[in-house]
Protein backbone atom coordinates (compact mmCIF):
# COMPACT_ATOMS: atom_id res chain seq x y z
CA MET A 1 26.74 20.31 -26.51
CA LEU A 2 30.02 19.12 -28.05
CA ALA A 3 29.32 15.60 -26.91
CA LEU A 4 25.86 15.83 -28.45
CA ARG A 5 27.31 16.95 -31.78
CA GLY A 6 29.82 14.13 -31.68
CA LEU A 7 27.06 11.68 -30.96
CA ILE A 8 25.05 12.98 -33.91
CA ARG A 9 28.09 12.66 -36.19
CA SER A 10 28.74 9.11 -35.03
CA ARG A 11 25.13 8.20 -35.70
CA LEU A 12 25.33 9.69 -39.19
CA LEU A 13 28.49 7.69 -39.85
CA LEU A 14 26.76 4.61 -38.58
CA ALA A 15 23.79 5.29 -40.87
CA VAL A 16 26.12 5.65 -43.88
CA MET A 17 27.85 2.40 -43.02
CA VAL A 18 24.55 0.63 -42.63
CA GLY A 19 23.40 2.01 -45.99
CA LEU A 20 26.56 0.80 -47.73
CA ALA A 21 26.19 -2.59 -46.11
CA ALA A 22 22.58 -2.71 -47.28
CA LEU A 23 23.60 -1.85 -50.87
CA LEU A 24 26.30 -4.50 -50.75
CA ALA A 25 23.80 -7.03 -49.47
CA VAL A 26 21.36 -6.13 -52.27
CA GLY A 27 24.15 -6.52 -54.84
CA VAL A 28 25.13 -9.88 -53.42
CA ALA A 29 21.55 -11.03 -53.45
CA ALA A 30 20.99 -9.87 -57.06
CA THR A 31 24.20 -11.50 -58.32
CA GLY A 32 23.44 -14.72 -56.53
CA PHE A 33 19.92 -14.67 -57.90
CA VAL A 34 21.15 -14.28 -61.52
CA LEU A 35 23.72 -17.03 -61.16
CA ASN A 36 21.17 -19.30 -59.56
CA VAL A 37 18.69 -18.64 -62.38
CA HIS A 38 21.30 -19.65 -64.96
CA HIS A 39 22.17 -22.74 -62.96
CA GLU A 40 18.55 -23.81 -62.69
CA ARG A 41 17.96 -23.17 -66.40
CA ALA A 42 20.91 -25.36 -67.36
CA ALA A 43 19.82 -28.10 -64.99
CA ARG A 44 16.28 -27.89 -66.33
CA GLN A 45 17.59 -28.18 -69.93
CA ILE A 46 19.51 -31.30 -69.02
CA GLU A 47 16.61 -32.93 -67.19
CA THR A 48 13.78 -31.95 -69.52
CA LEU A 49 15.45 -31.83 -72.94
CA TRP A 50 18.80 -33.46 -73.47
CA HIS A 51 18.39 -36.57 -71.35
CA PRO A 52 14.84 -37.28 -72.69
CA ALA A 53 16.06 -36.57 -76.24
CA VAL A 54 18.89 -39.08 -75.88
CA ALA A 55 16.41 -41.62 -74.54
CA GLU A 56 14.05 -40.94 -77.43
CA VAL A 57 16.86 -41.42 -80.00
CA GLY A 58 17.62 -44.74 -78.33
CA ALA A 59 13.98 -45.68 -78.69
CA VAL A 60 14.10 -44.73 -82.41
CA ARG A 61 17.16 -46.91 -82.86
CA ALA A 62 15.51 -49.85 -81.06
CA ALA A 63 12.32 -49.48 -83.16
CA ALA A 64 14.45 -49.42 -86.31
CA GLY A 65 16.15 -52.61 -85.18
CA ASP A 66 12.78 -54.25 -84.56
CA LEU A 67 11.55 -53.23 -88.01
CA ARG A 68 14.69 -54.62 -89.68
CA ALA A 69 14.26 -57.91 -87.84
CA ALA A 70 10.56 -58.07 -88.82
CA SER A 71 11.46 -57.39 -92.50
CA LEU A 72 13.79 -60.40 -92.52
CA ALA A 73 10.97 -62.60 -91.23
CA GLY A 74 9.53 -62.88 -94.72
CA ALA A 75 5.86 -63.29 -95.57
CA GLY A 76 4.89 -64.33 -92.04
CA GLY A 77 6.17 -61.13 -90.42
CA GLU A 78 3.59 -58.66 -91.77
CA GLU A 79 2.02 -57.99 -88.40
CA LEU A 80 5.43 -57.55 -86.76
CA ARG A 81 6.57 -55.19 -89.46
CA GLU A 82 3.40 -53.07 -89.08
CA GLY A 83 3.86 -52.76 -85.29
CA ALA A 84 7.55 -51.90 -85.62
CA ARG A 85 6.76 -49.33 -88.33
CA ARG A 86 4.19 -47.56 -86.14
CA ALA A 87 6.56 -47.53 -83.16
CA LEU A 88 9.34 -46.10 -85.29
CA GLU A 89 7.13 -43.35 -86.65
CA GLU A 90 5.81 -42.46 -83.19
CA HIS A 91 9.29 -42.19 -81.66
CA VAL A 92 10.54 -40.08 -84.56
CA ASP A 93 7.56 -37.72 -84.17
CA ALA A 94 8.06 -37.56 -80.39
CA LEU A 95 11.74 -36.76 -80.87
CA GLY A 96 10.86 -33.97 -83.28
CA ARG A 97 8.35 -32.43 -80.88
CA LEU A 98 10.71 -32.74 -77.88
CA ALA A 99 13.73 -31.05 -79.49
CA ALA A 100 11.90 -28.62 -81.78
CA GLY A 101 13.60 -25.21 -81.74
CA SER A 102 16.19 -26.17 -79.11
CA ASP A 103 19.28 -26.02 -81.34
CA GLY A 104 19.75 -25.52 -85.14
CA GLU A 105 22.22 -28.35 -85.52
CA VAL A 106 20.07 -30.71 -83.47
CA ASP A 107 17.02 -29.75 -85.55
CA ALA A 108 18.97 -30.47 -88.78
CA LYS A 109 20.08 -33.89 -87.49
CA ILE A 110 16.52 -34.77 -86.46
CA ALA A 111 15.22 -33.66 -89.88
CA GLY A 112 17.85 -35.88 -91.57
CA LEU A 113 16.85 -38.80 -89.37
CA ASP A 114 13.22 -38.22 -90.31
CA ARG A 115 14.10 -38.36 -94.01
CA ASP A 116 16.18 -41.49 -93.63
CA VAL A 117 13.39 -43.18 -91.68
CA SER A 118 10.84 -42.17 -94.32
CA LYS A 119 13.01 -43.65 -97.12
CA TRP A 120 13.53 -46.81 -95.15
CA LEU A 121 9.82 -47.18 -94.50
CA GLU A 122 9.14 -46.84 -98.24
CA SER A 123 11.71 -49.56 -98.84
CA ALA A 124 10.08 -51.71 -96.19
CA ARG A 125 6.72 -51.38 -98.00
CA SER A 126 8.40 -52.58 -101.27
CA ASP A 127 9.68 -55.63 -99.42
CA ALA A 128 6.15 -56.35 -98.24
CA VAL A 129 4.82 -56.21 -101.85
CA ARG A 130 7.56 -58.54 -102.96
CA ASP A 131 6.63 -61.00 -100.25
CA ARG A 132 2.99 -60.99 -101.37
CA MET A 133 4.10 -61.64 -105.02
CA ARG A 134 6.06 -64.64 -103.86
CA VAL A 135 2.92 -65.96 -102.20
CA TYR A 136 1.06 -65.72 -105.52
CA GLY A 137 3.99 -67.31 -107.50
CA LEU A 138 5.28 -64.11 -109.20
CA PRO A 139 9.04 -63.69 -109.84
CA ALA A 140 10.97 -61.47 -107.37
CA SER A 141 12.54 -59.52 -110.25
CA ALA A 142 9.15 -57.96 -110.89
CA VAL A 143 9.70 -55.48 -108.02
CA GLY A 144 13.45 -54.96 -108.20
CA ALA A 145 16.31 -56.05 -105.93
CA ASP A 146 15.90 -56.63 -102.16
CA SER A 147 16.57 -53.37 -100.31
CA ALA A 148 15.53 -54.35 -96.76
CA GLY A 149 18.88 -53.34 -95.33
CA GLY A 150 19.64 -50.72 -97.91
CA THR A 151 18.63 -47.66 -95.75
CA TYR A 152 18.78 -49.21 -92.28
CA ALA A 153 22.47 -48.47 -92.17
CA ALA A 154 21.73 -44.80 -92.89
CA VAL A 155 19.12 -44.70 -90.10
CA ASP A 156 21.49 -46.40 -87.68
CA ALA A 157 24.32 -44.05 -88.53
CA ARG A 158 22.03 -41.04 -88.19
CA THR A 159 20.86 -42.14 -84.72
CA LYS A 160 24.47 -42.58 -83.59
CA GLU A 161 25.36 -39.10 -84.80
CA LEU A 162 22.30 -37.61 -83.15
CA THR A 163 23.00 -39.43 -79.88
CA ALA A 164 26.58 -38.12 -79.82
CA LEU A 165 25.38 -34.58 -80.54
CA LEU A 166 22.73 -34.69 -77.81
CA GLU A 167 25.21 -36.06 -75.26
CA GLN A 168 27.59 -33.28 -76.24
CA ARG A 169 24.89 -30.67 -75.65
CA SER A 170 24.00 -32.26 -72.32
CA ALA A 171 27.64 -32.29 -71.22
CA ARG A 172 28.03 -28.63 -72.20
CA GLU A 173 24.91 -27.66 -70.20
CA ALA A 174 26.21 -29.62 -67.20
CA GLN A 175 29.54 -27.84 -67.50
CA ASP A 176 27.78 -24.46 -67.65
CA ALA A 177 25.69 -25.31 -64.59
CA MET A 178 28.80 -26.35 -62.68
CA GLY A 179 30.52 -23.15 -63.75
CA HIS A 180 27.61 -21.07 -62.47
CA MET A 181 27.66 -22.92 -59.16
CA ASN A 182 31.40 -22.45 -58.80
CA GLY A 183 30.92 -18.77 -59.57
CA VAL A 184 28.32 -18.45 -56.80
CA MET A 185 30.59 -20.21 -54.30
CA LEU A 186 33.59 -18.11 -55.29
CA TYR A 187 31.52 -14.92 -55.04
CA ILE A 188 30.25 -15.85 -51.59
CA LEU A 189 33.74 -16.74 -50.43
CA SER A 190 35.13 -13.45 -51.72
CA LEU A 191 32.35 -11.53 -50.04
CA ALA A 192 32.95 -13.33 -46.73
CA VAL A 193 36.64 -12.50 -46.89
CA ALA A 194 35.87 -8.86 -47.68
CA LEU A 195 33.37 -8.59 -44.85
CA LEU A 196 35.81 -10.22 -42.43
CA ALA A 197 38.52 -7.76 -43.44
CA ALA A 198 36.09 -4.85 -43.08
CA ALA A 199 35.04 -6.10 -39.64
CA VAL A 200 38.66 -6.36 -38.50
CA VAL A 201 39.42 -2.85 -39.75
CA ALA A 202 36.27 -1.47 -38.14
CA ALA A 203 37.10 -3.21 -34.84
CA VAL A 204 40.60 -1.77 -34.83
CA VAL A 205 39.36 1.73 -35.64
CA LEU A 206 36.57 1.46 -33.06
CA GLN A 207 38.98 0.24 -30.42
CA ARG A 208 41.54 2.98 -31.02
CA ARG A 209 39.22 5.91 -31.62
CA TYR A 210 36.34 5.17 -29.25
CA LEU A 211 36.58 2.20 -26.93
CA ALA A 212 40.08 2.80 -25.59
CA PRO A 213 39.46 6.54 -24.85
CA ALA A 214 36.04 5.72 -23.39
CA GLY A 215 37.57 3.02 -21.17
CA ALA A 216 40.25 5.42 -19.98
CA LEU A 217 37.57 8.02 -19.29
CA ALA A 218 35.47 5.51 -17.32
CA ARG A 219 38.50 4.50 -15.21
CA ARG A 220 39.29 8.16 -14.59
CA LEU A 221 35.75 8.88 -13.43
CA ARG A 222 35.70 5.81 -11.17
CA ARG A 223 38.93 6.93 -9.54
CA ALA A 224 37.54 10.43 -9.13
CA ALA A 225 34.33 9.06 -7.59
CA SER A 226 36.38 7.09 -5.08
CA GLY A 227 38.12 10.28 -3.99
CA ASP A 228 41.47 9.69 -5.71
CA ALA A 229 43.07 13.12 -6.08
CA SER A 230 45.75 11.84 -8.48
CA VAL A 231 43.33 12.09 -11.41
CA ALA A 232 43.55 15.88 -11.41
CA GLY A 233 45.07 17.53 -14.46
CA PRO A 234 44.36 17.60 -18.19
CA PRO A 235 42.40 14.58 -19.44
CA PRO A 236 44.14 12.09 -21.74
CA GLY A 237 43.29 12.12 -25.42
CA GLY A 238 42.02 15.69 -25.44
CA GLY A 239 41.39 17.30 -28.79
CA ARG A 240 40.99 14.06 -30.79
CA GLY A 241 37.55 14.44 -32.28
CA TRP A 242 34.32 14.39 -30.39
CA ILE A 243 35.55 11.73 -27.97
CA GLY A 244 38.25 14.16 -26.91
CA ARG A 245 35.68 16.90 -26.38
CA LEU A 246 33.56 14.46 -24.41
CA THR A 247 36.59 13.70 -22.26
CA GLU A 248 37.08 17.42 -21.61
CA GLU A 249 33.46 17.73 -20.54
CA ALA A 250 33.89 14.68 -18.31
CA GLU A 251 36.82 16.45 -16.71
CA GLY A 252 34.48 19.28 -15.84
CA VAL A 253 32.09 16.76 -14.32
CA ARG A 254 34.98 15.28 -12.34
CA GLU A 255 35.90 18.69 -10.97
CA ARG A 256 32.30 19.34 -9.93
CA LEU A 257 32.21 15.87 -8.38
CA ALA A 258 35.32 16.69 -6.39
CA VAL A 259 33.67 19.88 -5.14
CA SER A 260 30.56 17.91 -4.21
CA GLN A 261 32.68 15.39 -2.32
CA ARG A 262 34.31 18.15 -0.33
CA GLU A 263 30.92 19.68 0.45
CA SER A 264 29.55 16.29 1.42
CA LEU A 265 32.46 15.78 3.80
CA ARG A 266 31.80 19.16 5.40
CA ASN A 267 28.11 18.31 5.67
CA ARG A 268 28.89 15.02 7.40
CA GLU A 269 31.18 16.81 9.82
CA ALA A 270 28.47 19.40 10.43
CA LEU A 271 25.94 16.61 11.02
CA VAL A 272 28.23 15.08 13.62
CA GLN A 273 28.46 18.47 15.31
CA VAL A 274 24.72 19.22 15.00
CA GLY A 275 23.54 15.80 16.19
CA PRO A 276 23.95 16.56 19.90
CA ALA A 277 22.27 19.94 19.36
CA VAL A 278 19.28 18.24 17.72
CA GLN A 279 19.05 15.76 20.57
CA GLY A 280 19.22 18.67 23.02
CA LEU A 281 16.39 20.48 21.25
CA ARG A 282 14.26 17.36 21.49
CA GLU A 283 15.00 17.12 25.20
CA ILE A 284 13.85 20.72 25.61
CA LEU A 285 10.63 20.17 23.66
CA THR A 286 9.64 16.96 25.49
CA SER A 287 10.95 17.54 29.02
CA CYS A 288 8.61 17.86 31.99
CA GLU A 289 9.56 19.18 35.43
CA ASP A 290 8.58 17.29 38.53
CA PRO A 291 4.87 17.98 39.10
CA GLY A 292 3.35 19.20 42.29
CA PRO A 293 2.30 16.86 45.10
CA GLY A 294 -0.43 14.41 44.18
CA ALA A 295 -0.01 14.87 40.43
CA VAL A 296 1.25 12.34 37.89
CA VAL A 297 2.28 13.40 34.38
CA SER A 298 3.43 11.40 31.33
CA GLY A 299 3.97 12.54 27.75
CA ASP A 300 5.93 12.09 24.53
CA VAL A 301 6.43 13.71 21.14
CA ARG A 302 6.82 11.63 17.96
CA ALA A 303 8.15 13.77 15.14
CA ALA A 304 7.05 13.34 11.53
CA GLU A 305 10.63 13.99 10.37
CA GLY A 306 13.74 13.00 12.28
CA LEU A 307 13.81 14.00 15.95
CA ILE A 308 12.62 17.62 15.85
CA ALA A 309 8.90 18.34 15.88
CA GLY A 310 6.76 21.46 15.92
CA ASP A 311 4.98 20.22 19.06
CA TYR A 312 6.01 21.20 22.59
CA LEU A 313 4.80 20.03 25.97
CA GLY A 314 5.71 20.46 29.63
CA ALA A 315 4.69 20.38 33.26
CA VAL A 316 5.51 23.01 35.91
CA ARG A 317 5.03 22.85 39.66
CA LEU A 318 3.36 26.06 40.86
CA SER A 319 3.86 27.84 44.16
CA ASP A 320 0.38 26.88 45.47
CA ARG A 321 1.32 23.16 45.15
CA SER A 322 -0.80 22.76 42.01
CA THR A 323 0.61 21.55 38.67
CA ALA A 324 0.35 23.26 35.30
CA VAL A 325 0.59 21.18 32.13
CA PHE A 326 0.55 22.39 28.54
CA LEU A 327 0.71 21.09 24.98
CA GLY A 328 1.26 23.29 21.90
CA ASP A 329 1.42 22.68 18.15
CA VAL A 330 3.29 25.00 15.77
CA CYS A 331 2.17 24.80 12.15
CA GLY A 332 4.49 22.64 10.07
CA HIS A 333 7.17 20.27 11.27
CA GLY A 334 10.89 19.86 11.06
CA VAL A 335 13.77 21.96 12.34
CA ALA A 336 12.26 25.41 11.67
CA ALA A 337 9.03 24.53 13.49
CA GLY A 338 11.04 22.91 16.30
CA LEU A 339 13.15 26.03 16.89
CA LEU A 340 10.02 28.17 17.12
CA ALA A 341 8.45 25.61 19.46
CA VAL A 342 11.48 25.89 21.77
CA GLN A 343 11.04 29.67 21.85
CA LEU A 344 7.34 29.45 22.68
CA LYS A 345 7.91 26.81 25.36
CA SER A 346 10.47 29.10 27.00
CA VAL A 347 7.89 31.90 27.08
CA LEU A 348 5.35 29.56 28.68
CA MET A 349 7.79 28.29 31.30
CA VAL A 350 8.76 31.85 32.30
CA GLY A 351 5.13 32.96 32.45
CA LEU A 352 4.12 29.98 34.61
CA ARG A 353 6.97 30.61 37.03
CA LEU A 354 5.83 34.25 37.28
CA GLU A 355 2.33 32.89 38.07
CA ALA A 356 0.65 34.79 35.23
CA ASP A 357 -3.02 34.06 34.69
CA LEU A 358 -3.84 31.80 31.76
CA ASP A 359 -5.14 34.60 29.52
CA SER A 360 -1.96 36.66 30.06
CA LEU A 361 0.11 33.53 29.49
CA VAL A 362 -1.48 32.85 26.10
CA ARG A 363 -1.19 36.53 25.13
CA ALA A 364 2.55 36.35 25.93
CA VAL A 365 2.85 33.48 23.43
CA HIS A 366 0.90 35.61 20.93
CA GLN A 367 3.40 38.43 21.44
CA ALA A 368 6.30 36.00 20.82
CA LEU A 369 4.79 35.24 17.39
CA ALA A 370 4.66 38.89 16.36
CA ASP A 371 7.55 38.58 13.88
CA GLU A 372 6.64 35.11 12.61
CA GLU A 373 4.51 34.10 9.66
CA CYS A 374 2.94 31.07 11.26
CA PHE A 375 0.52 30.18 14.01
CA THR A 376 0.28 27.84 16.97
CA THR A 377 -2.45 26.16 18.95
CA LEU A 378 -2.07 25.74 22.70
CA VAL A 379 -3.86 24.27 25.68
CA VAL A 380 -2.79 25.03 29.28
CA ALA A 381 -4.38 23.26 32.25
CA VAL A 382 -3.85 23.59 36.03
CA LEU A 383 -4.50 20.55 38.23
CA ASP A 384 -5.21 21.28 41.93
CA PRO A 385 -5.42 18.02 43.91
CA GLU A 386 -6.28 19.80 47.14
CA ARG A 387 -9.35 21.49 45.64
CA SER A 388 -10.05 18.63 43.15
CA THR A 389 -10.34 21.13 40.28
CA LEU A 390 -9.09 21.39 36.71
CA THR A 391 -8.78 24.87 35.17
CA TRP A 392 -7.83 25.28 31.52
CA ALA A 393 -7.51 27.69 28.60
CA ASN A 394 -7.65 26.32 25.05
CA ALA A 395 -6.34 28.52 22.21
CA GLY A 396 -7.78 26.71 19.19
CA HIS A 397 -6.14 23.42 20.14
CA GLU A 398 -7.53 19.90 19.81
CA GLU A 399 -10.16 19.47 22.54
CA PRO A 400 -8.63 17.62 25.55
CA PHE A 401 -10.06 14.26 26.66
CA LEU A 402 -11.30 13.99 30.24
CA ARG A 403 -11.77 10.39 31.34
CA ARG A 404 -13.78 10.07 34.50
CA ALA A 405 -13.13 7.40 37.09
CA ASP A 406 -16.21 5.49 35.90
CA GLY A 407 -14.80 5.20 32.34
CA THR A 408 -16.87 7.89 30.64
CA VAL A 409 -14.96 10.27 28.36
CA GLU A 410 -15.70 13.99 27.99
CA ARG A 411 -14.19 16.71 25.81
CA LEU A 412 -13.06 20.14 27.07
CA GLU A 413 -14.07 22.81 24.58
CA PRO A 414 -11.79 25.63 23.28
CA THR A 415 -11.91 28.90 25.17
CA GLY A 416 -10.52 31.16 22.45
CA PRO A 417 -9.07 31.33 18.93
CA LEU A 418 -5.75 29.90 17.81
CA ILE A 419 -2.68 32.09 18.26
CA HIS A 420 -1.83 33.98 15.09
CA PRO A 421 0.19 37.21 14.75
CA PHE A 422 -2.45 38.69 12.40
CA LEU A 423 -5.28 38.19 14.92
CA PRO A 424 -5.67 40.84 17.64
CA ALA A 425 -5.28 39.62 21.23
CA PRO A 426 -6.69 42.12 23.72
CA PRO A 427 -7.05 41.10 27.39
CA GLY A 428 -9.77 38.51 27.85
CA THR A 429 -9.35 37.00 24.40
CA TRP A 430 -8.82 33.57 25.95
CA GLN A 431 -11.25 32.66 28.73
CA THR A 432 -10.69 30.03 31.39
CA ARG A 433 -12.93 27.15 32.42
CA THR A 434 -12.95 25.06 35.59
CA VAL A 435 -14.40 21.56 36.21
CA GLN A 436 -14.30 19.05 39.03
CA PHE A 437 -11.26 16.79 38.81
CA ASP A 438 -11.29 13.97 41.34
CA PRO A 439 -8.78 11.25 42.05
CA GLY A 440 -9.17 8.55 39.38
CA ASP A 441 -10.00 11.12 36.69
CA LEU A 442 -7.57 11.35 33.79
CA LEU A 443 -6.72 14.34 31.56
CA VAL A 444 -5.29 13.58 28.08
CA LEU A 445 -3.98 16.33 25.80
CA SER A 446 -3.22 15.44 22.16
CA THR A 447 -2.34 17.16 18.91
CA ASP A 448 -4.44 16.80 15.78
CA GLY A 449 -1.74 14.50 14.36
CA LEU A 450 -3.53 11.72 16.31
CA THR A 451 -7.24 12.39 15.79
CA GLU A 452 -6.84 13.65 12.21
CA GLY A 453 -4.17 11.11 11.30
CA ARG A 454 -4.97 9.00 8.25
CA ARG A 455 -3.68 5.75 6.94
CA HIS A 456 -2.81 5.21 3.28
CA ASP A 457 -6.38 4.37 2.22
CA GLY A 458 -7.56 7.78 3.50
CA GLU A 459 -9.50 6.61 6.58
CA GLU A 460 -9.12 8.90 9.62
CA PHE A 461 -8.20 7.71 13.11
CA GLY A 462 -10.86 10.02 14.56
CA GLU A 463 -11.92 11.30 17.97
CA GLN A 464 -14.31 8.41 18.65
CA ARG A 465 -11.58 5.78 18.27
CA ALA A 466 -9.36 7.72 20.69
CA SER A 467 -12.26 7.99 23.17
CA ARG A 468 -12.88 4.22 23.00
CA VAL A 469 -9.20 3.50 23.69
CA LEU A 470 -9.34 5.70 26.81
CA ALA A 471 -12.67 4.28 27.96
CA ASP A 472 -11.35 0.70 27.67
CA LEU A 473 -8.22 1.30 29.77
CA ASP A 474 -7.69 -1.36 32.40
CA ASP A 475 -5.04 0.80 34.07
CA PRO A 476 -6.22 4.45 33.83
CA THR A 477 -2.84 5.99 34.61
CA PRO A 478 -1.15 8.69 32.52
CA SER A 479 1.67 6.43 31.28
CA ALA A 480 -0.77 3.62 30.41
CA ALA A 481 -3.02 6.05 28.52
CA VAL A 482 -0.11 7.45 26.45
CA THR A 483 1.14 3.94 25.65
CA ALA A 484 -2.33 2.70 24.67
CA LEU A 485 -3.03 5.63 22.32
CA TYR A 486 0.33 5.28 20.54
CA ALA A 487 -0.21 1.52 20.21
CA ALA A 488 -3.68 2.10 18.74
CA ALA A 489 -2.23 4.57 16.24
CA GLU A 490 0.36 2.00 15.16
CA ARG A 491 -2.26 -0.75 14.78
CA PHE A 492 -4.34 1.62 12.70
CA SER A 493 -1.23 2.27 10.53
CA ILE A 494 -1.40 6.05 10.69
CA ASP A 495 0.92 7.67 8.15
CA GLN A 496 3.12 9.37 10.74
CA GLY A 497 5.08 11.15 8.04
CA ARG A 498 2.14 13.53 7.57
CA ASP A 499 2.23 15.23 10.96
CA ASP A 500 3.75 15.11 14.44
CA ILE A 501 1.84 13.15 17.09
CA SER A 502 2.16 14.37 20.68
CA LEU A 503 0.40 13.22 23.85
CA LEU A 504 0.40 14.45 27.46
CA ALA A 505 -1.65 12.78 30.21
CA ALA A 506 -2.10 13.86 33.85
CA ALA A 507 -3.98 12.61 36.90
CA THR A 508 -4.17 13.35 40.63
CA ALA A 509 -4.37 11.25 43.74
CA ALA A 510 -6.19 11.92 47.00
CA PRO A 511 -4.35 14.28 49.37
CA HIS A 512 -1.81 12.50 51.57
CA GLY A 513 -2.13 9.40 49.32
CA ARG A 514 0.24 7.89 46.74
CA ALA A 515 -0.05 8.66 43.05
CA SER A 516 -1.75 5.88 41.11
CA GLY A 517 0.86 5.44 38.40
CA PRO A 518 4.53 4.43 38.73
CA ARG A 519 7.24 6.71 37.37
CA THR A 520 7.92 5.98 33.70
CA THR A 521 11.17 6.17 31.79
CA PRO A 522 12.02 7.52 28.29
CA PRO A 523 10.85 7.67 25.58
CA ALA A 524 7.86 8.93 27.58
CA ARG A 525 8.85 12.05 29.49
CA THR A 526 7.18 11.81 32.87
CA GLY A 527 7.12 13.56 36.17
CA GLU A 528 5.53 12.16 39.34
CA ASN A 529 5.41 13.02 43.01
CA GLU A 530 3.90 11.22 45.86
CA ALA A 531 0.94 13.04 47.32
CA GLY A 532 2.03 15.42 50.00
CA HIS A 533 5.59 15.84 48.66
CA ASP A 534 6.86 19.41 49.07
């Protein structure tokens, strides 16, 4: 909680800093915009007013010069004088329109130039009249003295004054524009220096207040995670703001991590100790005694989790030289189901050695489940090679497969309900059945983990696929049947993490003959005897 509050405070501080930076950026942008507007206005004044005005004054002066030259041409220069007069008037008018209202002094100078030009033009017209009188033989004194250059000097002087004034205004505008530009550059430079200084200060503060303590905390946690006991004790930097409180909380995490490491070490040591016990439990669940004479047995258990399964199988040689085989399935899987399976298998083994009938044997298993809250299915079969019979009791288990010597496959139906402590089990609850079982016939017991096994797309392995595998056996021996069914399940890609898969196969040979299948080795747990072995 303290770390969360510190984080919130740091985010608020960050938001304030971002807001101030945003305001500063807006101020910079506004100031730069104003300075740039002034700069552009001054540049526009120079380009659109003062430079064109200077050029226009030059044109006025040139037109005045042309008119003066045309006036000196005498009577033959009337056409020249008229063209020069029009040009002079047009340039004076253009200059007035261009600079109108720009500056009071400039306007006054232009007005004075206009008056001087007007006077000079009137004088020029008098000269033209005098020329015409000379053509008609009249004396020149009739129109007064020659004044062709009398006002030209005034016009010329006025244009020089106006040109100097306009160039002065242009220079001043250029100076203002340069000043605005220098102001923008100086402002940007000052801002860059200020931002650099702020960044340096912020980096130093961040390093001292946050990064350095956080780095020390990270190194402390790494050392603690590696099992270094020297990191015990009060954390460094405690009590300095929220980073200190975060460090204190990290110290609590480190202590819990140390406890977890110690527990993990104990668990590993316990696993080393328990490993042999787990392997021993698996041996108990999957072991088969040597069968009676003429019988061949092969089986295996493949657990959904680890090595321990809830399935149990076995084979027991009976006193009448027959062989009993069984396969059971406790609900669930894992260690708890495996321990219960070991208990039930022990009950079965004791009952078979006491030669209890199959109904009493299954009821003994039912009694062993009295204090449990689970159920089991079980099938027990007795193979008698001398009588060529197969007798079985099926307590709700998957129906066994019976492959005949000719390749046909039959199913042996259940003879009673599954074994559950809540179901009553009076004598006779589980009936027995007997069928002919000749040499070459093959009995296969399986759990529903095979027939009801599904792959990831949901398709089920199914009873028919298992029957086809058994019918197509080239070597109908117990070990070959178990191997072929497991291989088919792997090709089908059954999700074996869903349930345990257990198989037990048995066959008999003719009396005084040799069993058809060779003895197999683990992982399949097998038991074989030559026919006639005592």
